[in-house]
C-alpha atoms as a PDB file:
ATOM      1  CA  MET A   1      -3.061   5.943   3.035  1.00  0.00           C
ATOM      2  CA  ILE A   2      -1.547   2.970   4.815  1.00  0.00           C
ATOM      3  CA  GLN A   3       2.094   1.960   4.555  1.00  0.00           C
ATOM      4  CA  VAL A   4       2.815  -1.757   4.388  1.00  0.00           C
ATOM      5  CA  LYS A   5       6.298  -3.056   5.071  1.00  0.00           C
ATOM      6  CA  GLY A   6       7.373  -5.483   2.388  1.00  0.00           C
ATOM      7  CA  GLN A   7      10.289  -7.879   2.357  1.00  0.00           C
ATOM      8  CA  GLY A   8      13.510  -6.291   3.511  1.00  0.00           C
ATOM      9  CA  SER A   9      13.279  -2.555   4.023  1.00  0.00           C
ATOM     10  CA  GLU A  10      10.723  -1.843   1.294  1.00  0.00           C
ATOM     11  CA  CYS A  11       7.477  -0.062   2.161  1.00  0.00           C
ATOM     12  CA  TYR A  12       4.432   0.287  -0.071  1.00  0.00           C
ATOM     13  CA  ASN A  13       1.692   2.894   0.062  1.00  0.00           C
ATOM     14  CA  VAL A  14      -1.794   1.409  -0.031  1.00  0.00           C
ATOM     15  CA  PHE A  15      -4.859   3.492  -0.790  1.00  0.00           C
ATOM     16  CA  ASN A  16      -8.422   2.173  -0.989  1.00  0.00           C
ATOM     17  CA  GLU A  17      -8.080   0.681  -4.458  1.00  0.00           C
ATOM     18  CA  PHE A  18      -4.420   1.358  -5.239  1.00  0.00           C
ATOM     19  CA  CYS A  19      -0.961   0.161  -4.178  1.00  0.00           C
ATOM     20  CA  THR A  20       2.473   1.399  -5.181  1.00  0.00           C
ATOM     21  CA  CYS A  21       3.973  -2.101  -5.609  1.00  0.00           C
ATOM     22  CA  GLN A  22       4.937  -3.565  -8.989  1.00  0.00           C
ATOM     23  CA  GLY A  23       2.626  -6.529  -8.476  1.00  0.00           C
ATOM     24  CA  PHE A  24      -0.355  -4.194  -8.346  1.00  0.00           C
ATOM     25  CA  PHE A  25       0.600  -2.569 -11.639  1.00  0.00           C
ATOM     26  CA  PHE A  26       1.408  -5.819 -13.445  1.00  0.00           C
ATOM     27  CA  ASP A  27      -1.094  -8.333 -12.056  1.00  0.00           C
ATOM     28  CA  VAL A  28      -4.032  -6.131 -11.087  1.00  0.00           C
ATOM     29  CA  LEU A  29      -3.988  -3.227 -13.551  1.00  0.00           C
ATOM     30  CA  ASN A  30      -2.268  -4.625 -16.644  1.00  0.00           C
ATOM     31  CA  LYS A  31      -3.108  -8.317 -16.670  1.00  0.00           C
ATOM     32  CA  GLN A  32      -6.266  -8.075 -14.555  1.00  0.00           C
ATOM     33  CA  GLU A  33      -5.353 -11.476 -13.095  1.00  0.00           C
ATOM     34  CA  ALA A  34      -6.113 -10.440  -9.517  1.00  0.00           C
ATOM     35  CA  SER A  35      -8.528  -8.109  -7.774  1.00  0.00           C
ATOM     36  CA  CYS A  36      -5.894  -6.838  -5.335  1.00  0.00           C
ATOM     37  CA  CYS A  37      -2.220  -7.256  -4.457  1.00  0.00           C
ATOM     38  CA  LYS A  38      -0.858  -8.904  -1.320  1.00  0.00           C
ATOM     39  CA  HIS A  39      -0.267  -5.512   0.312  1.00  0.00           C
ATOM     40  CA  GLN A  40      -3.919  -4.525  -0.127  1.00  0.00           C
ATOM     41  CA  LEU A  41      -4.947  -7.880   1.288  1.00  0.00           C
ATOM     42  CA  ALA A  42      -2.579  -7.452   4.248  1.00  0.00           C
ATOM     43  CA  THR A  43      -4.077  -4.000   4.848  1.00  0.00           C
ATOM     44  CA  ARG A  44      -7.626  -5.394   4.923  1.00  0.00           C
ATOM     45  CA  ILE A  45      -6.620  -8.160   7.329  1.00  0.00           C
ATOM     46  CA  ALA A  46      -4.755  -5.730   9.609  1.00  0.00           C
ATOM     47  CA  GLN A  47      -7.755  -3.377   9.667  1.00  0.00           C
ATOM     48  CA  ALA A  48     -10.123  -6.243  10.495  1.00  0.00           C
ATOM     49  CA  LEU A  49      -7.849  -7.359  13.348  1.00  0.00           C
ATOM     50  CA  GLY A  50      -7.357  -3.812  14.653  1.00  0.00           C
ATOM     51  CA  LYS A  51      -3.610  -3.965  13.953  1.00  0.00           C
ATOM     52  CA  VAL A  52      -3.307  -0.710  11.980  1.00  0.00           C
ATOM     53  CA  ARG A  53      -1.251   2.004  13.669  1.00  0.00           C
ATOM     54  CA  GLU A  54      -2.367   5.531  12.792  1.00  0.00           C
ATOM     55  CA  ASN A  55      -0.095   8.552  12.420  1.00  0.00           C
ATOM     56  CA  THR A  56      -1.259  11.994  11.370  1.00  0.00           C
ATOM     57  CA  VAL A  57       0.988  13.647   8.794  1.00  0.00           C
ATOM     58  CA  ASN A  58       0.723  16.814   6.742  1.00  0.00           C
ATOM     59  CA  ASP A  59       0.342  17.030   2.972  1.00  0.00           C
ATOM     60  CA  LEU A  60       4.056  17.663   2.436  1.00  0.00           C
ATOM     61  CA  VAL A  61       4.970  14.341   4.058  1.00  0.00           C
ATOM     62  CA  ILE A  62       2.440  12.504   1.904  1.00  0.00           C
ATOM     63  CA  ALA A  63       3.802  14.191  -1.231  1.00  0.00           C
ATOM     64  CA  GLU A  64       7.337  13.107  -0.288  1.00  0.00           C
ATOM     65  CA  LEU A  65       6.197   9.529   0.303  1.00  0.00           C
ATOM     66  CA  LEU A  66       4.506   9.431  -3.083  1.00  0.00           C
ATOM     67  CA  GLN A  67       7.586  10.842  -4.832  1.00  0.00           C
ATOM     68  CA  GLU A  68       9.756   8.167  -3.244  1.00  0.00           C
ATOM     69  CA  GLY A  69       7.340   5.468  -4.448  1.00  0.00           C
ATOM     70  CA  GLY A  70       6.937   4.014  -1.017  1.00  0.00           C
END
């Protein structure tokens, strides 16, 4: 899981083929107008440029992040 900081203080959780943002649900899943959201694209670019910072967390932290929605 990678967290992407959105506008303001919002953060989104990005998995391989999933993002917790509303754009992902509306444009990618529901309307199928896009193959990914901007957070997934930002994640791919950051990974390609070596700009992803890794932190190891336990399962409880991940569960809390998912409950918060980002």
